[in-house]
C-alpha atoms as a PDB file:
ATOM      1  CA  MET A   1      20.870  27.495 -57.826  1.00  0.00           C
ATOM      2  CA  ASP A   2      23.258  26.747 -54.950  1.00  0.00           C
ATOM      3  CA  GLN A   3      20.870  28.313 -52.437  1.00  0.00           C
ATOM      4  CA  PHE A   4      17.961  26.283 -53.808  1.00  0.00           C
ATOM      5  CA  ILE A   5      19.959  23.063 -53.463  1.00  0.00           C
ATOM      6  CA  ALA A   6      20.862  23.886 -49.854  1.00  0.00           C
ATOM      7  CA  ASP A   7      17.193  24.648 -49.137  1.00  0.00           C
ATOM      8  CA  TRP A   8      16.134  21.398 -50.824  1.00  0.00           C
ATOM      9  CA  GLN A   9      18.545  19.397 -48.664  1.00  0.00           C
ATOM     10  CA  ARG A  10      16.916  20.876 -45.554  1.00  0.00           C
ATOM     11  CA  ARG A  11      13.410  20.127 -46.850  1.00  0.00           C
ATOM     12  CA  SER A  12      14.430  16.560 -47.725  1.00  0.00           C
ATOM     13  CA  LYS A  13      15.374  16.013 -44.092  1.00  0.00           C
ATOM     14  CA  ILE A  14      11.921  17.241 -43.075  1.00  0.00           C
ATOM     15  CA  MET A  15      10.306  14.804 -45.552  1.00  0.00           C
ATOM     16  CA  GLY A  16      12.592  12.001 -44.363  1.00  0.00           C
ATOM     17  CA  GLN A  17      11.014  12.122 -40.915  1.00  0.00           C
ATOM     18  CA  GLU A  18       7.594  11.115 -42.250  1.00  0.00           C
ATOM     19  CA  ALA A  19       6.305   7.545 -42.227  1.00  0.00           C
ATOM     20  CA  GLY A  20       6.288   6.021 -45.695  1.00  0.00           C
ATOM     21  CA  PHE A  21       9.018   8.249 -47.101  1.00  0.00           C
ATOM     22  CA  ILE A  22      11.647   6.294 -49.050  1.00  0.00           C
ATOM     23  CA  SER A  23      14.012   8.783 -50.673  1.00  0.00           C
ATOM     24  CA  ALA A  24      14.306  11.991 -52.672  1.00  0.00           C
ATOM     25  CA  ASP A  25      16.413  12.927 -55.678  1.00  0.00           C
ATOM     26  CA  LEU A  26      17.086  16.314 -57.170  1.00  0.00           C
ATOM     27  CA  GLU A  27      17.097  16.245 -60.959  1.00  0.00           C
ATOM     28  CA  LYS A  28      18.484  19.007 -63.165  1.00  0.00           C
ATOM     29  CA  SER A  29      16.894  19.774 -66.511  1.00  0.00           C
ATOM     30  CA  LEU A  30      18.949  19.016 -69.602  1.00  0.00           C
ATOM     31  CA  LEU A  31      17.259  21.947 -71.342  1.00  0.00           C
ATOM     32  CA  LYS A  32      18.689  25.285 -70.211  1.00  0.00           C
ATOM     33  CA  ASP A  33      15.582  27.240 -71.216  1.00  0.00           C
ATOM     34  CA  HIS A  34      13.013  24.847 -69.731  1.00  0.00           C
ATOM     35  CA  GLN A  35      10.504  26.238 -67.238  1.00  0.00           C
ATOM     36  CA  TYR A  36      11.563  23.711 -64.591  1.00  0.00           C
ATOM     37  CA  GLN A  37      15.329  23.774 -64.135  1.00  0.00           C
ATOM     38  CA  ILE A  38      15.372  21.597 -61.020  1.00  0.00           C
ATOM     39  CA  ILE A  39      12.869  18.896 -60.131  1.00  0.00           C
ATOM     40  CA  ASN A  40      12.540  17.141 -56.791  1.00  0.00           C
ATOM     41  CA  VAL A  41      11.510  13.507 -57.175  1.00  0.00           C
ATOM     42  CA  ALA A  42      10.411  12.074 -53.842  1.00  0.00           C
ATOM     43  CA  HIS A  43       9.680   8.372 -53.470  1.00  0.00           C
ATOM     44  CA  TRP A  44       6.979   7.246 -51.068  1.00  0.00           C
ATOM     45  CA  GLN A  45       5.798   3.748 -50.176  1.00  0.00           C
ATOM     46  CA  SER A  46       2.324   4.623 -51.429  1.00  0.00           C
ATOM     47  CA  TYR A  47      -0.028   7.415 -52.344  1.00  0.00           C
ATOM     48  CA  ASP A  48      -1.709   6.963 -48.954  1.00  0.00           C
ATOM     49  CA  ALA A  49       1.622   7.521 -47.164  1.00  0.00           C
ATOM     50  CA  TRP A  50       2.139  10.753 -49.114  1.00  0.00           C
ATOM     51  CA  VAL A  51      -1.407  11.925 -48.304  1.00  0.00           C
ATOM     52  CA  ALA A  52      -0.937  11.064 -44.612  1.00  0.00           C
ATOM     53  CA  ALA A  53       2.287  13.080 -44.500  1.00  0.00           C
ATOM     54  CA  ASN A  54       0.629  16.056 -46.165  1.00  0.00           C
ATOM     55  CA  ASN A  55      -2.297  15.838 -43.747  1.00  0.00           C
ATOM     56  CA  ASN A  56       0.052  15.799 -40.746  1.00  0.00           C
ATOM     57  CA  PRO A  57      -0.212  19.332 -39.293  1.00  0.00           C
ATOM     58  CA  ASP A  58       3.311  19.203 -37.809  1.00  0.00           C
ATOM     59  CA  TYR A  59       4.820  18.257 -41.175  1.00  0.00           C
ATOM     60  CA  ALA A  60       2.806  20.908 -43.000  1.00  0.00           C
ATOM     61  CA  LYS A  61       3.880  23.557 -40.474  1.00  0.00           C
ATOM     62  CA  LYS A  62       7.580  22.633 -40.723  1.00  0.00           C
ATOM     63  CA  LEU A  63       7.466  22.555 -44.520  1.00  0.00           C
ATOM     64  CA  ALA A  64       5.555  25.839 -44.807  1.00  0.00           C
ATOM     65  CA  SER A  65       7.987  27.505 -42.424  1.00  0.00           C
ATOM     66  CA  ASP A  66      10.968  26.296 -44.445  1.00  0.00           C
ATOM     67  CA  LEU A  67       9.409  27.244 -47.783  1.00  0.00           C
ATOM     68  CA  GLY A  68       8.773  30.727 -46.411  1.00  0.00           C
ATOM     69  CA  GLY A  69      12.530  31.218 -46.127  1.00  0.00           C
ATOM     70  CA  THR A  70      13.197  30.336 -49.749  1.00  0.00           C
ATOM     71  CA  ALA A  71      13.222  33.291 -52.118  1.00  0.00           C
ATOM     72  CA  ASN A  72      12.080  33.238 -55.744  1.00  0.00           C
ATOM     73  CA  VAL A  73      10.937  29.634 -55.838  1.00  0.00           C
ATOM     74  CA  VAL A  74       7.648  28.444 -57.263  1.00  0.00           C
ATOM     75  CA  VAL A  75       6.716  25.111 -55.759  1.00  0.00           C
ATOM     76  CA  HIS A  76       4.349  22.737 -57.530  1.00  0.00           C
ATOM     77  CA  ARG A  77       3.419  19.916 -55.194  1.00  0.00           C
ATOM     78  CA  GLY A  78       1.573  16.803 -56.215  1.00  0.00           C
ATOM     79  CA  PHE A  79       1.697  13.052 -56.539  1.00  0.00           C
ATOM     80  CA  PHE A  80       2.540  11.714 -59.956  1.00  0.00           C
ATOM     81  CA  ARG A  81       2.474   8.076 -60.962  1.00  0.00           C
ATOM     82  CA  PRO A  82       5.695   6.886 -62.600  1.00  0.00           C
ATOM     83  CA  VAL A  83       5.447   6.091 -66.287  1.00  0.00           C
ATOM     84  CA  ALA A  84       8.844   4.412 -66.513  1.00  0.00           C
ATOM     85  CA  SER A  85      11.125   2.761 -64.021  1.00  0.00           C
ATOM     86  CA  TYR A  86      14.311   3.710 -65.824  1.00  0.00           C
ATOM     87  CA  THR A  87      15.243   6.072 -68.608  1.00  0.00           C
ATOM     88  CA  HIS A  88      18.580   6.094 -70.387  1.00  0.00           C
ATOM     89  CA  LEU A  89      19.457   9.149 -72.409  1.00  0.00           C
ATOM     90  CA  TYR A  90      21.754   8.629 -75.347  1.00  0.00           C
ATOM     91  CA  ASP A  91      24.156  11.398 -76.285  1.00  0.00           C
END
């Protein structure tokens, strides 16, 4: 987990260099047995900005190179529209 977080911090810096990138958060699952224990939520100005970044060969090369150094991680990349702007979990 600690290694993944360190790797994510490096990848977030790579994303942060792209036009249209706003921010990224790393969310931890509340369910210990869930398939996705850590989820990266990146915020972009628009879908088009995200597509442009992913079509940038320099960005793709940097990201692929960094992902190649990360062991035992399955990455699911995609653009998902938000369904809520805020969620409060009650204990």
